[in-house]
Amino acid sequence: PSAERNAIAEYRGAHIPGAVYFDLDVASDRSSPLPHTMPGAAE
């Protein structure tokens, strides 16, 4: 947050053709109290 950059907005503004956006927060274990811990294999 201290960087004051919006990664998703930057992606929507300009990305490499065909690139999908991988949201690191969504792909982490959101049940963990710690940020960015690994999700389960199924998730």
All heavy atoms as atom14 arrays in JSON, in Angstrom:
{
  "sequence": "PSAERNAIAEYRGAHIPGAVYFDLDVASDRSSPLPHTMPGAAE",
  "atom14_mask": [
    [1, 1, 1, 1, 1, 1, 1, 0, 0, 0, 0, 0, 0, 0],
    [1, 1, 1, 1, 1, 1, 0, 0, 0, 0, 0, 0, 0, 0],
    [1, 1, 1, 1, 1, 0, 0, 0, 0, 0, 0, 0, 0, 0],
    [1, 1, 1, 1, 1, 1, 1, 1, 1, 0, 0, 0, 0, 0],
    [1, 1, 1, 1, 1, 1, 1, 1, 1, 1, 1, 0, 0, 0],
    [1, 1, 1, 1, 1, 1, 1, 1, 0, 0, 0, 0, 0, 0],
    [1, 1, 1, 1, 1, 0, 0, 0, 0, 0, 0, 0, 0, 0],
    [1, 1, 1, 1, 1, 1, 1, 1, 0, 0, 0, 0, 0, 0],
    [1, 1, 1, 1, 1, 0, 0, 0, 0, 0, 0, 0, 0, 0],
    [1, 1, 1, 1, 1, 1, 1, 1, 1, 0, 0, 0, 0, 0],
    [1, 1, 1, 1, 1, 1, 1, 1, 1, 1, 1, 1, 0, 0],
    [1, 1, 1, 1, 1, 1, 1, 1, 1, 1, 1, 0, 0, 0],
    [1, 1, 1, 1, 0, 0, 0, 0, 0, 0, 0, 0, 0, 0],
    [1, 1, 1, 1, 1, 0, 0, 0, 0, 0, 0, 0, 0, 0],
    [1, 1, 1, 1, 1, 1, 1, 1, 1, 1, 0, 0, 0, 0],
    [1, 1, 1, 1, 1, 1, 1, 1, 0, 0, 0, 0, 0, 0],
    [1, 1, 1, 1, 1, 1, 1, 0, 0, 0, 0, 0, 0, 0],
    [1, 1, 1, 1, 0, 0, 0, 0, 0, 0, 0, 0, 0, 0],
    [1, 1, 1, 1, 1, 0, 0, 0, 0, 0, 0, 0, 0, 0],
    [1, 1, 1, 1, 1, 1, 1, 0, 0, 0, 0, 0, 0, 0],
    [1, 1, 1, 1, 1, 1, 1, 1, 1, 1, 1, 1, 0, 0],
    [1, 1, 1, 1, 1, 1, 1, 1, 1, 1, 1, 0, 0, 0],
    [1, 1, 1, 1, 1, 1, 1, 1, 0, 0, 0, 0, 0, 0],
    [1, 1, 1, 1, 1, 1, 1, 1, 0, 0, 0, 0, 0, 0],
    [1, 1, 1, 1, 1, 1, 1, 1, 0, 0, 0, 0, 0, 0],
    [1, 1, 1, 1, 1, 1, 1, 0, 0, 0, 0, 0, 0, 0],
    [1, 1, 1, 1, 1, 0, 0, 0, 0, 0, 0, 0, 0, 0],
    [1, 1, 1, 1, 1, 1, 0, 0, 0, 0, 0, 0, 0, 0],
    [1, 1, 1, 1, 1, 1, 1, 1, 0, 0, 0, 0, 0, 0],
    [1, 1, 1, 1, 1, 1, 1, 1, 1, 1, 1, 0, 0, 0],
    [1, 1, 1, 1, 1, 1, 0, 0, 0, 0, 0, 0, 0, 0],
    [1, 1, 1, 1, 1, 1, 0, 0, 0, 0, 0, 0, 0, 0],
    [1, 1, 1, 1, 1, 1, 1, 0, 0, 0, 0, 0, 0, 0],
    [1, 1, 1, 1, 1, 1, 1, 1, 0, 0, 0, 0, 0, 0],
    [1, 1, 1, 1, 1, 1, 1, 0, 0, 0, 0, 0, 0, 0],
    [1, 1, 1, 1, 1, 1, 1, 1, 1, 1, 0, 0, 0, 0],
    [1, 1, 1, 1, 1, 1, 1, 0, 0, 0, 0, 0, 0, 0],
    [1, 1, 1, 1, 1, 1, 1, 1, 0, 0, 0, 0, 0, 0],
    [1, 1, 1, 1, 1, 1, 1, 0, 0, 0, 0, 0, 0, 0],
    [1, 1, 1, 1, 0, 0, 0, 0, 0, 0, 0, 0, 0, 0],
    [1, 1, 1, 1, 1, 0, 0, 0, 0, 0, 0, 0, 0, 0],
    [1, 1, 1, 1, 1, 0, 0, 0, 0, 0, 0, 0, 0, 0],
    [1, 1, 1, 1, 1, 1, 1, 1, 1, 0, 0, 0, 0, 0]
  ],
  "atom14_positions": [
    [[0.81, -1.22, 0.0], [0.0, 0.0, 0.0], [0.84, 1.27, 0.0], [0.44, 2.28, -0.59], [-0.82, -0.13, 1.29], [-0.92, -1.61, 1.52], [0.39, -2.19, 1.04], [0.0, 0.0, 0.0], [0.0, 0.0, 0.0], [0.0, 0.0, 0.0], [0.0, 0.0, 0.0], [0.0, 0.0, 0.0], [0.0, 0.0, 0.0], [0.0, 0.0, 0.0]],
    [[2.02, 1.22, 0.64], [2.87, 2.41, 0.7], [3.37, 2.85, -0.67], [3.78, 4.0, -0.85], [4.07, 2.14, 1.62], [4.82, 1.03, 1.15], [0.0, 0.0, 0.0], [0.0, 0.0, 0.0], [0.0, 0.0, 0.0], [0.0, 0.0, 0.0], [0.0, 0.0, 0.0], [0.0, 0.0, 0.0], [0.0, 0.0, 0.0], [0.0, 0.0, 0.0]],
    [[3.34, 1.94, -1.66], [3.78, 2.29, -3.01], [2.76, 3.17, -3.73], [3.09, 3.82, -4.73], [4.03, 1.03, -3.83], [0.0, 0.0, 0.0], [0.0, 0.0, 0.0], [0.0, 0.0, 0.0], [0.0, 0.0, 0.0], [0.0, 0.0, 0.0], [0.0, 0.0, 0.0], [0.0, 0.0, 0.0], [0.0, 0.0, 0.0], [0.0, 0.0, 0.0]],
    [[1.52, 3.18, -3.24], [0.44, 3.96, -3.84], [0.3, 3.67, -5.34], [0.13, 4.57, -6.16], [0.65, 5.46, -3.59], [0.64, 5.83, -2.11], [0.77, 7.32, -1.86], [1.19, 8.05, -2.78], [0.44, 7.75, -0.75], [0.0, 0.0, 0.0], [0.0, 0.0, 0.0], [0.0, 0.0, 0.0], [0.0, 0.0, 0.0], [0.0, 0.0, 0.0]],
    [[0.35, 2.39, -5.66], [0.12, 1.94, -7.03], [-1.02, 0.93, -7.03], [-1.1, 0.08, -6.14], [1.39, 1.3, -7.62], [2.53, 2.28, -7.82], [3.75, 1.59, -8.4], [3.52, 1.11, -9.77], [4.47, 0.55, -10.53], [5.71, 0.42, -10.05], [4.2, 0.13, -11.75], [0.0, 0.0, 0.0], [0.0, 0.0, 0.0], [0.0, 0.0, 0.0]],
    [[-1.86, 1.01, -8.03], [-2.99, 0.1, -8.17], [-2.67, -0.9, -9.28], [-2.75, -0.57, -10.47], [-4.26, 0.89, -8.5], [-5.5, 0.02, -8.5], [-5.48, -1.11, -8.96], [-6.59, 0.56, -7.97], [0.0, 0.0, 0.0], [0.0, 0.0, 0.0], [0.0, 0.0, 0.0], [0.0, 0.0, 0.0], [0.0, 0.0, 0.0], [0.0, 0.0, 0.0]],
    [[-2.28, -2.1, -8.89], [-1.81, -3.09, -9.86], [-2.88, -3.46, -10.87], [-2.6, -3.6, -12.07], [-1.3, -4.33, -9.14], [0.0, 0.0, 0.0], [0.0, 0.0, 0.0], [0.0, 0.0, 0.0], [0.0, 0.0, 0.0], [0.0, 0.0, 0.0], [0.0, 0.0, 0.0], [0.0, 0.0, 0.0], [0.0, 0.0, 0.0], [0.0, 0.0, 0.0]],
    [[-4.12, -3.64, -10.41], [-5.19, -4.04, -11.32], [-5.5, -2.91, -12.31], [-5.69, -3.15, -13.5], [-6.44, -4.45, -10.53], [-6.14, -5.67, -9.66], [-7.6, -4.74, -11.48], [-7.29, -6.12, -8.79], [0.0, 0.0, 0.0], [0.0, 0.0, 0.0], [0.0, 0.0, 0.0], [0.0, 0.0, 0.0], [0.0, 0.0, 0.0], [0.0, 0.0, 0.0]],
    [[-5.52, -1.68, -11.81], [-5.78, -0.54, -12.71], [-4.67, -0.41, -13.74], [-4.94, -0.12, -14.93], [-5.91, 0.75, -11.9], [0.0, 0.0, 0.0], [0.0, 0.0, 0.0], [0.0, 0.0, 0.0], [0.0, 0.0, 0.0], [0.0, 0.0, 0.0], [0.0, 0.0, 0.0], [0.0, 0.0, 0.0], [0.0, 0.0, 0.0], [0.0, 0.0, 0.0]],
    [[-3.43, -0.62, -13.33], [-2.32, -0.55, -14.28], [-2.43, -1.66, -15.32], [-2.16, -1.44, -16.51], [-0.99, -0.64, -13.53], [-0.67, 0.6, -12.71], [0.69, 0.52, -12.03], [1.52, -0.32, -12.45], [0.93, 1.3, -11.09], [0.0, 0.0, 0.0], [0.0, 0.0, 0.0], [0.0, 0.0, 0.0], [0.0, 0.0, 0.0], [0.0, 0.0, 0.0]],
    [[-2.83, -2.85, -14.88], [-3.03, -3.95, -15.83], [-4.1, -3.59, -16.85], [-3.91, -3.8, -18.06], [-3.42, -5.22, -15.07], [-4.05, -6.28, -15.94], [-3.27, -7.09, -16.76], [-5.44, -6.47, -15.95], [-3.86, -8.05, -17.58], [-6.03, -7.43, -16.74], [-5.23, -8.22, -17.57], [-5.82, -9.17, -18.38], [0.0, 0.0, 0.0], [0.0, 0.0, 0.0]],
    [[-5.21, -3.06, -16.38], [-6.31, -2.71, -17.3], [-5.92, -1.57, -18.23], [-6.43, -1.47, -19.35], [-7.55, -2.35, -16.5], [-8.17, -3.55, -15.79], [-9.28, -3.14, -14.85], [-9.9, -4.31, -14.22], [-10.58, -4.26, -13.07], [-10.77, -3.09, -12.47], [-11.09, -5.36, -12.55], [0.0, 0.0, 0.0], [0.0, 0.0, 0.0], [0.0, 0.0, 0.0]],
    [[-5.0, -0.74, -17.77], [-4.55, 0.35, -18.62], [-3.62, -0.11, -19.72], [-3.7, 0.37, -20.86], [0.0, 0.0, 0.0], [0.0, 0.0, 0.0], [0.0, 0.0, 0.0], [0.0, 0.0, 0.0], [0.0, 0.0, 0.0], [0.0, 0.0, 0.0], [0.0, 0.0, 0.0], [0.0, 0.0, 0.0], [0.0, 0.0, 0.0], [0.0, 0.0, 0.0]],
    [[-2.74, -1.06, -19.41], [-1.78, -1.56, -20.41], [-1.15, -2.84, -19.92], [-0.55, -2.87, -18.84], [-0.68, -0.52, -20.68], [0.0, 0.0, 0.0], [0.0, 0.0, 0.0], [0.0, 0.0, 0.0], [0.0, 0.0, 0.0], [0.0, 0.0, 0.0], [0.0, 0.0, 0.0], [0.0, 0.0, 0.0], [0.0, 0.0, 0.0], [0.0, 0.0, 0.0]],
    [[-1.3, -3.9, -20.71], [-0.64, -5.16, -20.4], [-0.15, -5.82, -21.68], [-0.53, -5.41, -22.79], [-1.59, -6.11, -19.64], [-2.87, -6.39, -20.37], [-4.06, -5.77, -20.07], [-3.15, -7.22, -21.41], [-5.01, -6.21, -20.86], [-4.47, -7.08, -21.7], [0.0, 0.0, 0.0], [0.0, 0.0, 0.0], [0.0, 0.0, 0.0], [0.0, 0.0, 0.0]],
    [[0.7, -6.79, -21.54], [1.19, -7.54, -22.7], [0.0, -8.25, -23.35], [-0.84, -8.83, -22.65], [2.29, -8.53, -22.27], [3.53, -7.75, -21.83], [2.63, -9.5, -23.41], [4.64, -8.62, -21.26], [0.0, 0.0, 0.0], [0.0, 0.0, 0.0], [0.0, 0.0, 0.0], [0.0, 0.0, 0.0], [0.0, 0.0, 0.0], [0.0, 0.0, 0.0]],
    [[-0.12, -8.19, -24.66], [-1.29, -8.78, -25.33], [-1.54, -10.22, -24.9], [-0.63, -11.05, -24.89], [-0.92, -8.68, -26.81], [-0.05, -7.47, -26.88], [0.77, -7.5, -25.62], [0.0, 0.0, 0.0], [0.0, 0.0, 0.0], [0.0, 0.0, 0.0], [0.0, 0.0, 0.0], [0.0, 0.0, 0.0], [0.0, 0.0, 0.0], [0.0, 0.0, 0.0]],
    [[-2.79, -10.48, -24.54], [-3.19, -11.83, -24.15], [-2.96, -12.16, -22.69], [-3.36, -13.25, -22.24], [0.0, 0.0, 0.0], [0.0, 0.0, 0.0], [0.0, 0.0, 0.0], [0.0, 0.0, 0.0], [0.0, 0.0, 0.0], [0.0, 0.0, 0.0], [0.0, 0.0, 0.0], [0.0, 0.0, 0.0], [0.0, 0.0, 0.0], [0.0, 0.0, 0.0]],
    [[-2.33, -11.25, -21.94], [-2.0, -11.56, -20.55], [-3.24, -11.52, -19.66], [-4.04, -10.58, -19.73], [-0.95, -10.58, -20.02], [0.0, 0.0, 0.0], [0.0, 0.0, 0.0], [0.0, 0.0, 0.0], [0.0, 0.0, 0.0], [0.0, 0.0, 0.0], [0.0, 0.0, 0.0], [0.0, 0.0, 0.0], [0.0, 0.0, 0.0], [0.0, 0.0, 0.0]],
    [[-3.38, -12.53, -18.81], [-4.41, -12.51, -17.78], [-3.79, -11.91, -16.51], [-2.57, -11.86, -16.37], [-4.95, -13.93, -17.49], [-5.66, -14.48, -18.72], [-3.84, -14.87, -17.04], [0.0, 0.0, 0.0], [0.0, 0.0, 0.0], [0.0, 0.0, 0.0], [0.0, 0.0, 0.0], [0.0, 0.0, 0.0], [0.0, 0.0, 0.0], [0.0, 0.0, 0.0]],
    [[-4.66, -11.43, -15.62], [-4.16, -10.85, -14.37], [-4.27, -11.88, -13.25], [-5.35, -12.42, -12.97], [-4.94, -9.6, -13.98], [-4.4, -8.98, -12.71], [-3.19, -8.3, -12.71], [-5.08, -9.11, -11.5], [-2.67, -7.76, -11.54], [-4.57, -8.57, -10.33], [-3.36, -7.91, -10.36], [-2.84, -7.39, -9.21], [0.0, 0.0, 0.0], [0.0, 0.0, 0.0]],
    [[-3.13, -12.16, -12.62], [-3.07, -13.1, -11.5], [-3.05, -12.27, -10.22], [-2.08, -11.56, -9.94], [-1.8, -13.96, -11.6], [-1.72, -15.08, -10.61], [-1.96, -16.39, -10.99], [-1.36, -14.84, -9.28], [-1.87, -17.43, -10.07], [-1.27, -15.87, -8.36], [-1.53, -17.17, -8.76], [0.0, 0.0, 0.0], [0.0, 0.0, 0.0], [0.0, 0.0, 0.0]],
    [[-4.12, -12.37, -9.44], [-4.24, -11.59, -8.21], [-3.61, -12.37, -7.06], [-4.17, -13.38, -6.6], [-5.72, -11.31, -7.92], [-5.91, -10.28, -6.81], [-5.11, -10.26, -5.86], [-6.88, -9.5, -6.9], [0.0, 0.0, 0.0], [0.0, 0.0, 0.0], [0.0, 0.0, 0.0], [0.0, 0.0, 0.0], [0.0, 0.0, 0.0], [0.0, 0.0, 0.0]],
    [[-2.46, -11.93, -6.61], [-1.72, -12.64, -5.58], [-2.51, -12.74, -4.29], [-2.44, -13.75, -3.57], [-0.37, -11.95, -5.33], [0.6, -12.63, -4.36], [0.91, -14.05, -4.8], [1.88, -11.8, -4.27], [0.0, 0.0, 0.0], [0.0, 0.0, 0.0], [0.0, 0.0, 0.0], [0.0, 0.0, 0.0], [0.0, 0.0, 0.0], [0.0, 0.0, 0.0]],
    [[-3.28, -11.71, -3.97], [-4.09, -11.76, -2.74], [-5.19, -12.82, -2.84], [-5.44, -13.55, -1.88], [-4.7, -10.39, -2.45], [-3.65, -9.36, -2.05], [-2.74, -9.73, -1.28], [-3.73, -8.21, -2.5], [0.0, 0.0, 0.0], [0.0, 0.0, 0.0], [0.0, 0.0, 0.0], [0.0, 0.0, 0.0], [0.0, 0.0, 0.0], [0.0, 0.0, 0.0]],
    [[-5.83, -12.91, -4.0], [-6.87, -13.91, -4.2], [-6.29, -15.32, -4.18], [-6.9, -16.26, -3.66], [-7.62, -13.66, -5.52], [-8.58, -14.81, -5.85], [-8.39, -12.34, -5.45], [0.0, 0.0, 0.0], [0.0, 0.0, 0.0], [0.0, 0.0, 0.0], [0.0, 0.0, 0.0], [0.0, 0.0, 0.0], [0.0, 0.0, 0.0], [0.0, 0.0, 0.0]],
    [[-5.08, -15.48, -4.69], [-4.46, -16.79, -4.8], [-3.74, -17.23, -3.54], [-3.07, -18.26, -3.53], [-3.49, -16.81, -5.97], [0.0, 0.0, 0.0], [0.0, 0.0, 0.0], [0.0, 0.0, 0.0], [0.0, 0.0, 0.0], [0.0, 0.0, 0.0], [0.0, 0.0, 0.0], [0.0, 0.0, 0.0], [0.0, 0.0, 0.0], [0.0, 0.0, 0.0]],
    [[-3.84, -16.45, -2.47], [-3.24, -16.82, -1.19], [-4.3, -17.4, -0.26], [-5.5, -17.33, -0.54], [-2.58, -15.59, -0.55], [-1.58, -15.06, -1.4], [0.0, 0.0, 0.0], [0.0, 0.0, 0.0], [0.0, 0.0, 0.0], [0.0, 0.0, 0.0], [0.0, 0.0, 0.0], [0.0, 0.0, 0.0], [0.0, 0.0, 0.0], [0.0, 0.0, 0.0]],
    [[-3.84, -17.99, 0.83], [-4.75, -18.59, 1.81], [-5.43, -17.48, 2.6], [-4.86, -16.92, 3.53], [-3.97, -19.51, 2.74], [-4.87, -20.19, 3.77], [-6.1, -19.97, 3.74], [-4.33, -20.95, 4.61], [0.0, 0.0, 0.0], [0.0, 0.0, 0.0], [0.0, 0.0, 0.0], [0.0, 0.0, 0.0], [0.0, 0.0, 0.0], [0.0, 0.0, 0.0]],
    [[-6.66, -17.17, 2.22], [-7.35, -16.04, 2.85], [-7.9, -16.37, 4.23], [-8.41, -15.49, 4.93], [-8.45, -15.53, 1.91], [-7.9, -14.75, 0.72], [-8.98, -14.35, -0.25], [-9.38, -15.45, -1.1], [-10.37, -15.4, -1.98], [-11.06, -14.28, -2.12], [-10.68, -16.44, -2.72], [0.0, 0.0, 0.0], [0.0, 0.0, 0.0], [0.0, 0.0, 0.0]],
    [[-7.79, -17.64, 4.65], [-8.18, -17.99, 6.01], [-7.03, -17.8, 7.0], [-7.23, -17.86, 8.21], [-8.65, -19.45, 6.06], [-7.56, -20.35, 5.85], [0.0, 0.0, 0.0], [0.0, 0.0, 0.0], [0.0, 0.0, 0.0], [0.0, 0.0, 0.0], [0.0, 0.0, 0.0], [0.0, 0.0, 0.0], [0.0, 0.0, 0.0], [0.0, 0.0, 0.0]],
    [[-5.83, -17.56, 6.47], [-4.66, -17.38, 7.33], [-4.6, -15.95, 7.86], [-4.92, -15.0, 7.13], [-3.37, -17.68, 6.55], [-2.23, -17.34, 7.32], [0.0, 0.0, 0.0], [0.0, 0.0, 0.0], [0.0, 0.0, 0.0], [0.0, 0.0, 0.0], [0.0, 0.0, 0.0], [0.0, 0.0, 0.0], [0.0, 0.0, 0.0], [0.0, 0.0, 0.0]],
    [[-4.16, -15.75, 9.1], [-3.97, -14.39, 9.61], [-2.76, -13.7, 9.01], [-2.58, -12.5, 9.17], [-3.8, -14.6, 11.12], [-3.23, -15.98, 11.24], [-3.88, -16.77, 10.14], [0.0, 0.0, 0.0], [0.0, 0.0, 0.0], [0.0, 0.0, 0.0], [0.0, 0.0, 0.0], [0.0, 0.0, 0.0], [0.0, 0.0, 0.0], [0.0, 0.0, 0.0]],
    [[-1.92, -14.46, 8.32], [-0.72, -13.93, 7.69], [-0.97, -13.66, 6.21], [-1.71, -14.4, 5.56], [0.44, -14.91, 7.84], [0.84, -15.27, 9.27], [1.85, -16.41, 9.26], [1.4, -14.06, 10.0], [0.0, 0.0, 0.0], [0.0, 0.0, 0.0], [0.0, 0.0, 0.0], [0.0, 0.0, 0.0], [0.0, 0.0, 0.0], [0.0, 0.0, 0.0]],
    [[-0.35, -12.62, 5.65], [-0.56, -12.33, 4.23], [0.22, -13.28, 3.32], [1.32, -13.72, 3.67], [-0.03, -10.89, 4.09], [1.0, -10.77, 5.17], [0.52, -11.63, 6.31], [0.0, 0.0, 0.0], [0.0, 0.0, 0.0], [0.0, 0.0, 0.0], [0.0, 0.0, 0.0], [0.0, 0.0, 0.0], [0.0, 0.0, 0.0], [0.0, 0.0, 0.0]],
    [[-0.38, -13.62, 2.2], [0.31, -14.31, 1.11], [0.82, -15.71, 1.44], [1.77, -16.18, 0.82], [1.47, -13.46, 0.57], [1.04, -12.08, 0.21], [1.68, -10.95, 0.65], [-0.01, -11.65, -0.53], [1.05, -9.88, 0.2], [0.02, -10.28, -0.52], [0.0, 0.0, 0.0], [0.0, 0.0, 0.0], [0.0, 0.0, 0.0], [0.0, 0.0, 0.0]],
    [[0.21, -16.37, 2.4], [0.59, -17.76, 2.63], [-0.01, -18.64, 1.54], [-1.01, -18.3, 0.91], [0.14, -18.23, 4.02], [-1.25, -17.94, 4.19], [0.94, -17.55, 5.11], [0.0, 0.0, 0.0], [0.0, 0.0, 0.0], [0.0, 0.0, 0.0], [0.0, 0.0, 0.0], [0.0, 0.0, 0.0], [0.0, 0.0, 0.0], [0.0, 0.0, 0.0]],
    [[0.62, -19.78, 1.32], [0.22, -20.66, 0.22], [-1.19, -21.2, 0.43], [-1.54, -21.63, 1.53], [1.2, -21.83, 0.12], [2.53, -21.44, -0.46], [2.49, -21.2, -2.26], [2.83, -22.87, -2.81], [0.0, 0.0, 0.0], [0.0, 0.0, 0.0], [0.0, 0.0, 0.0], [0.0, 0.0, 0.0], [0.0, 0.0, 0.0], [0.0, 0.0, 0.0]],
    [[-2.0, -21.21, -0.62], [-3.31, -21.85, -0.54], [-3.14, -23.36, -0.64], [-2.05, -23.87, -0.89], [-4.04, -21.28, -1.76], [-2.94, -21.13, -2.77], [-1.72, -20.69, -1.97], [0.0, 0.0, 0.0], [0.0, 0.0, 0.0], [0.0, 0.0, 0.0], [0.0, 0.0, 0.0], [0.0, 0.0, 0.0], [0.0, 0.0, 0.0], [0.0, 0.0, 0.0]],
    [[-4.23, -24.07, -0.47], [-4.21, -25.5, -0.72], [-4.12, -25.8, -2.21], [-4.39, -24.94, -3.05], [0.0, 0.0, 0.0], [0.0, 0.0, 0.0], [0.0, 0.0, 0.0], [0.0, 0.0, 0.0], [0.0, 0.0, 0.0], [0.0, 0.0, 0.0], [0.0, 0.0, 0.0], [0.0, 0.0, 0.0], [0.0, 0.0, 0.0], [0.0, 0.0, 0.0]],
    [[-3.75, -27.04, -2.53], [-3.58, -27.42, -3.93], [-4.89, -27.28, -4.71], [-4.9, -26.81, -5.85], [-3.05, -28.85, -4.03], [0.0, 0.0, 0.0], [0.0, 0.0, 0.0], [0.0, 0.0, 0.0], [0.0, 0.0, 0.0], [0.0, 0.0, 0.0], [0.0, 0.0, 0.0], [0.0, 0.0, 0.0], [0.0, 0.0, 0.0], [0.0, 0.0, 0.0]],
    [[-6.0, -27.67, -4.1], [-7.28, -27.58, -4.8], [-7.65, -26.14, -5.1], [-8.15, -25.82, -6.19], [-8.37, -28.26, -3.97], [0.0, 0.0, 0.0], [0.0, 0.0, 0.0], [0.0, 0.0, 0.0], [0.0, 0.0, 0.0], [0.0, 0.0, 0.0], [0.0, 0.0, 0.0], [0.0, 0.0, 0.0], [0.0, 0.0, 0.0], [0.0, 0.0, 0.0]],
    [[-7.37, -25.24, -4.14], [-7.69, -23.83, -4.33], [-6.81, -23.21, -5.42], [-7.3, -22.45, -6.25], [-7.51, -23.07, -3.01], [-8.54, -23.37, -1.94], [-8.32, -24.71, -1.25], [-7.2, -25.29, -1.36], [-9.27, -25.19, -0.6], [0.0, 0.0, 0.0], [0.0, 0.0, 0.0], [0.0, 0.0, 0.0], [0.0, 0.0, 0.0], [0.0, 0.0, 0.0]]
  ]
}
